């Protein structure tokens, strides 16, 4: 079982992108592209905003291309999935 670590910052009301990556890891299967918004809303809230180590105040639609460009997420025919080789441990 993967232990969830929450990097939510109450001062900025943003969830770190690593939380999304760890949630996808725990989910253990791709999330269909048509369901990714519902998946994220269920886990982080409909109004969730995200940050990364270098970006602040991102919507899910802004975050996904960043994570995809960094190679951390891959969009396949089955949906969004984690690229284990590119996930950092910090």
N, C-alpha and C. Protein backbone atom coordinates (compact mmCIF):
# COMPACT_ATOMS: atom_id res chain seq x y z
N UNK A 1 0.84 -1.18 0.00
CA UNK A 1 0.00 0.00 0.00
C UNK A 1 0.89 1.25 0.00
N UNK A 2 0.55 2.20 -0.83
CA UNK A 2 1.29 3.45 -0.92
C UNK A 2 0.72 4.43 0.09
N UNK A 3 1.60 4.96 0.92
CA UNK A 3 1.15 5.94 1.90
C UNK A 3 1.00 7.29 1.23
N UNK A 4 -0.16 7.88 1.39
CA UNK A 4 -0.42 9.20 0.81
C UNK A 4 0.23 10.25 1.69
N UNK A 5 0.99 11.14 1.09
CA UNK A 5 1.51 12.28 1.82
C UNK A 5 0.88 13.52 1.23
N UNK A 6 0.36 14.34 2.07
CA UNK A 6 -0.34 15.53 1.60
C UNK A 6 0.61 16.72 1.68
N UNK A 7 0.77 17.38 0.57
CA UNK A 7 1.61 18.55 0.50
C UNK A 7 0.77 19.82 0.37
N UNK A 8 -0.51 19.70 0.73
CA UNK A 8 -1.41 20.85 0.64
C UNK A 8 -0.88 21.98 1.48
N UNK A 9 -0.85 23.15 0.92
CA UNK A 9 -0.38 24.33 1.63
C UNK A 9 -1.59 25.19 1.98
N UNK A 10 -2.00 25.18 3.26
CA UNK A 10 -3.20 25.94 3.64
C UNK A 10 -3.06 27.44 3.44
N UNK A 11 -1.83 27.96 3.45
CA UNK A 11 -1.64 29.39 3.25
C UNK A 11 -2.00 29.81 1.82
N UNK A 12 -1.68 28.97 0.86
CA UNK A 12 -1.97 29.29 -0.54
C UNK A 12 -3.20 28.56 -1.05
N UNK A 13 -3.69 27.60 -0.27
CA UNK A 13 -4.83 26.77 -0.65
C UNK A 13 -4.56 26.01 -1.95
N UNK A 14 -3.31 25.60 -2.13
CA UNK A 14 -2.93 24.83 -3.31
C UNK A 14 -2.41 23.46 -2.90
N UNK A 15 -2.66 22.50 -3.75
CA UNK A 15 -2.16 21.15 -3.57
C UNK A 15 -0.96 20.96 -4.47
N UNK A 16 0.10 20.39 -3.93
CA UNK A 16 1.29 20.17 -4.74
C UNK A 16 1.00 19.08 -5.77
N UNK A 17 1.54 19.23 -6.95
CA UNK A 17 1.34 18.25 -8.02
C UNK A 17 1.79 16.86 -7.61
N UNK A 18 2.75 16.77 -6.70
CA UNK A 18 3.19 15.45 -6.23
C UNK A 18 2.03 14.67 -5.61
N UNK A 19 1.08 15.39 -4.99
CA UNK A 19 -0.09 14.70 -4.42
C UNK A 19 -0.90 14.02 -5.52
N UNK A 20 -1.05 14.69 -6.64
CA UNK A 20 -1.77 14.07 -7.76
C UNK A 20 -1.00 12.85 -8.26
N UNK A 21 0.31 12.97 -8.38
CA UNK A 21 1.12 11.84 -8.85
C UNK A 21 1.02 10.66 -7.89
N UNK A 22 1.08 10.93 -6.60
CA UNK A 22 0.97 9.85 -5.61
C UNK A 22 -0.43 9.23 -5.62
N UNK A 23 -1.44 10.04 -5.87
CA UNK A 23 -2.81 9.52 -5.96
C UNK A 23 -2.96 8.61 -7.17
N UNK A 24 -2.38 8.99 -8.30
CA UNK A 24 -2.41 8.13 -9.48
C UNK A 24 -1.63 6.84 -9.24
N UNK A 25 -0.52 6.94 -8.53
CA UNK A 25 0.25 5.75 -8.19
C UNK A 25 -0.58 4.79 -7.34
N UNK A 26 -1.27 5.32 -6.34
CA UNK A 26 -2.11 4.49 -5.48
C UNK A 26 -3.30 3.91 -6.24
N UNK A 27 -3.79 4.64 -7.23
CA UNK A 27 -4.93 4.17 -8.04
C UNK A 27 -4.54 2.95 -8.88
N UNK A 28 -3.29 2.90 -9.30
CA UNK A 28 -2.69 1.74 -9.96
C UNK A 28 -3.23 1.37 -11.33
N UNK A 29 -3.98 2.27 -11.94
CA UNK A 29 -4.43 2.03 -13.32
C UNK A 29 -4.69 3.38 -13.97
N UNK A 30 -4.63 3.45 -15.28
CA UNK A 30 -4.86 4.73 -15.95
C UNK A 30 -6.25 5.29 -15.65
N UNK A 31 -6.33 6.60 -15.62
CA UNK A 31 -7.61 7.29 -15.46
C UNK A 31 -8.00 7.81 -16.84
N UNK A 32 -9.13 7.34 -17.37
CA UNK A 32 -9.54 7.80 -18.70
C UNK A 32 -9.56 9.33 -18.78
N UNK A 33 -9.13 9.85 -19.91
CA UNK A 33 -9.08 11.30 -20.09
C UNK A 33 -10.44 11.94 -19.84
N UNK A 34 -11.51 11.24 -20.20
CA UNK A 34 -12.86 11.78 -20.00
C UNK A 34 -13.27 11.79 -18.53
N UNK A 35 -12.51 11.12 -17.67
CA UNK A 35 -12.85 11.04 -16.24
C UNK A 35 -11.85 11.74 -15.34
N UNK A 36 -10.78 12.31 -15.90
CA UNK A 36 -9.73 12.88 -15.05
C UNK A 36 -10.24 14.03 -14.19
N UNK A 37 -11.15 14.86 -14.71
CA UNK A 37 -11.67 15.96 -13.89
C UNK A 37 -12.49 15.45 -12.72
N UNK A 38 -13.32 14.46 -12.95
CA UNK A 38 -14.12 13.88 -11.85
C UNK A 38 -13.21 13.18 -10.84
N UNK A 39 -12.20 12.48 -11.33
CA UNK A 39 -11.23 11.79 -10.48
C UNK A 39 -10.55 12.79 -9.54
N UNK A 40 -10.09 13.89 -10.10
CA UNK A 40 -9.40 14.91 -9.31
C UNK A 40 -10.38 15.62 -8.37
N UNK A 41 -11.56 15.95 -8.85
CA UNK A 41 -12.56 16.63 -8.00
C UNK A 41 -12.93 15.78 -6.80
N UNK A 42 -13.06 14.48 -7.01
CA UNK A 42 -13.42 13.57 -5.91
C UNK A 42 -12.34 13.53 -4.84
N UNK A 43 -11.10 13.64 -5.25
CA UNK A 43 -9.99 13.51 -4.32
C UNK A 43 -9.50 14.83 -3.75
N UNK A 44 -9.58 15.90 -4.53
CA UNK A 44 -9.02 17.17 -4.11
C UNK A 44 -10.02 18.32 -4.08
N UNK A 45 -11.23 18.08 -4.54
CA UNK A 45 -12.25 19.12 -4.57
C UNK A 45 -12.39 19.72 -5.96
N UNK A 46 -13.59 20.18 -6.27
CA UNK A 46 -13.87 20.73 -7.60
C UNK A 46 -13.05 21.97 -7.91
N UNK A 47 -12.73 22.74 -6.90
CA UNK A 47 -12.01 23.99 -7.11
C UNK A 47 -10.51 23.85 -6.85
N UNK A 48 -10.00 22.64 -6.89
CA UNK A 48 -8.59 22.40 -6.57
C UNK A 48 -7.67 23.23 -7.46
N UNK A 49 -6.68 23.81 -6.82
CA UNK A 49 -5.60 24.54 -7.50
C UNK A 49 -4.31 23.83 -7.12
N UNK A 50 -3.37 23.83 -8.04
CA UNK A 50 -2.15 23.07 -7.85
C UNK A 50 -0.91 23.96 -7.97
N UNK A 51 0.16 23.47 -7.37
CA UNK A 51 1.46 24.10 -7.54
C UNK A 51 2.47 22.99 -7.82
N UNK A 52 3.57 23.37 -8.41
CA UNK A 52 4.70 22.46 -8.62
C UNK A 52 5.90 23.11 -7.95
N UNK A 53 7.04 22.51 -8.12
CA UNK A 53 8.25 23.13 -7.55
C UNK A 53 8.57 24.45 -8.23
N UNK A 54 8.02 24.67 -9.44
CA UNK A 54 8.34 25.90 -10.16
C UNK A 54 7.14 26.69 -10.67
N UNK A 55 5.92 26.22 -10.41
CA UNK A 55 4.70 26.90 -10.87
C UNK A 55 3.71 27.03 -9.71
N UNK A 56 2.89 28.06 -9.76
CA UNK A 56 1.89 28.31 -8.71
C UNK A 56 0.51 28.51 -9.31
N UNK A 57 -0.50 28.18 -8.54
CA UNK A 57 -1.90 28.50 -8.84
C UNK A 57 -2.36 27.98 -10.21
N UNK A 58 -2.21 26.67 -10.39
CA UNK A 58 -2.57 26.03 -11.65
C UNK A 58 -3.90 25.30 -11.54
N UNK A 59 -4.69 25.38 -12.58
CA UNK A 59 -5.88 24.53 -12.68
C UNK A 59 -5.40 23.14 -13.14
N UNK A 60 -6.26 22.17 -13.10
CA UNK A 60 -5.91 20.85 -13.60
C UNK A 60 -5.55 20.92 -15.08
N UNK A 61 -6.31 21.70 -15.84
CA UNK A 61 -6.04 21.83 -17.28
C UNK A 61 -4.69 22.49 -17.56
N UNK A 62 -4.21 23.30 -16.65
CA UNK A 62 -2.88 23.90 -16.79
C UNK A 62 -1.79 22.94 -16.31
N UNK A 63 -2.11 22.16 -15.28
CA UNK A 63 -1.13 21.25 -14.70
C UNK A 63 -0.82 20.05 -15.59
N UNK A 64 -1.84 19.46 -16.19
CA UNK A 64 -1.62 18.23 -16.98
C UNK A 64 -0.59 18.40 -18.09
N UNK A 65 -0.64 19.46 -18.90
CA UNK A 65 0.38 19.59 -19.94
C UNK A 65 1.80 19.78 -19.38
N UNK A 66 1.91 20.42 -18.23
CA UNK A 66 3.22 20.60 -17.60
C UNK A 66 3.77 19.25 -17.17
N UNK A 67 2.92 18.45 -16.51
CA UNK A 67 3.35 17.12 -16.06
C UNK A 67 3.65 16.21 -17.25
N UNK A 68 2.90 16.39 -18.32
CA UNK A 68 3.13 15.60 -19.53
C UNK A 68 4.45 16.01 -20.18
N UNK A 69 4.72 17.31 -20.27
CA UNK A 69 5.96 17.81 -20.88
C UNK A 69 7.18 17.37 -20.08
N UNK A 70 7.03 17.26 -18.76
CA UNK A 70 8.14 16.81 -17.92
C UNK A 70 8.29 15.29 -17.94
N UNK A 71 7.35 14.61 -18.62
CA UNK A 71 7.41 13.16 -18.72
C UNK A 71 6.89 12.43 -17.50
N UNK A 72 6.28 13.14 -16.56
CA UNK A 72 5.76 12.51 -15.35
C UNK A 72 4.42 11.82 -15.57
N UNK A 73 3.62 12.36 -16.48
CA UNK A 73 2.34 11.76 -16.84
C UNK A 73 2.34 11.47 -18.34
N UNK A 74 1.70 10.39 -18.69
CA UNK A 74 1.58 9.99 -20.09
C UNK A 74 0.10 9.79 -20.38
N UNK A 75 -0.35 10.32 -21.51
CA UNK A 75 -1.73 10.11 -21.93
C UNK A 75 -1.73 9.01 -22.98
N UNK A 76 -2.30 7.86 -22.63
CA UNK A 76 -2.38 6.72 -23.53
C UNK A 76 -3.84 6.54 -23.96
N UNK A 77 -4.09 5.54 -24.77
CA UNK A 77 -5.47 5.24 -25.16
C UNK A 77 -6.32 4.88 -23.96
N UNK A 78 -5.69 4.33 -22.92
CA UNK A 78 -6.41 3.95 -21.69
C UNK A 78 -6.64 5.14 -20.77
N UNK A 79 -5.86 6.20 -20.95
CA UNK A 79 -6.02 7.39 -20.12
C UNK A 79 -4.71 7.89 -19.55
N UNK A 80 -4.82 8.79 -18.57
CA UNK A 80 -3.66 9.37 -17.91
C UNK A 80 -3.04 8.34 -16.98
N UNK A 81 -1.73 8.18 -17.10
CA UNK A 81 -1.03 7.28 -16.19
C UNK A 81 0.33 7.84 -15.83
N UNK A 82 0.82 7.38 -14.72
CA UNK A 82 2.09 7.81 -14.19
C UNK A 82 3.23 7.18 -14.97
N UNK A 83 4.27 7.96 -15.25
CA UNK A 83 5.51 7.44 -15.83
C UNK A 83 6.46 7.25 -14.66
N UNK A 84 6.53 6.04 -14.15
CA UNK A 84 7.29 5.74 -12.95
C UNK A 84 8.74 6.18 -13.05
N UNK A 85 9.33 6.11 -14.22
CA UNK A 85 10.74 6.44 -14.40
C UNK A 85 11.04 7.92 -14.17
N UNK A 86 10.03 8.76 -14.30
CA UNK A 86 10.25 10.21 -14.21
C UNK A 86 9.72 10.85 -12.93
N UNK A 87 9.20 10.05 -12.01
CA UNK A 87 8.64 10.63 -10.79
C UNK A 87 9.76 10.85 -9.79
N UNK A 88 9.89 12.09 -9.34
CA UNK A 88 10.94 12.40 -8.38
C UNK A 88 10.49 12.02 -6.97
N UNK A 89 11.43 11.87 -6.09
CA UNK A 89 11.15 11.39 -4.73
C UNK A 89 11.16 12.51 -3.69
N UNK A 90 11.20 13.76 -4.10
CA UNK A 90 11.22 14.83 -3.09
C UNK A 90 9.83 15.38 -2.84
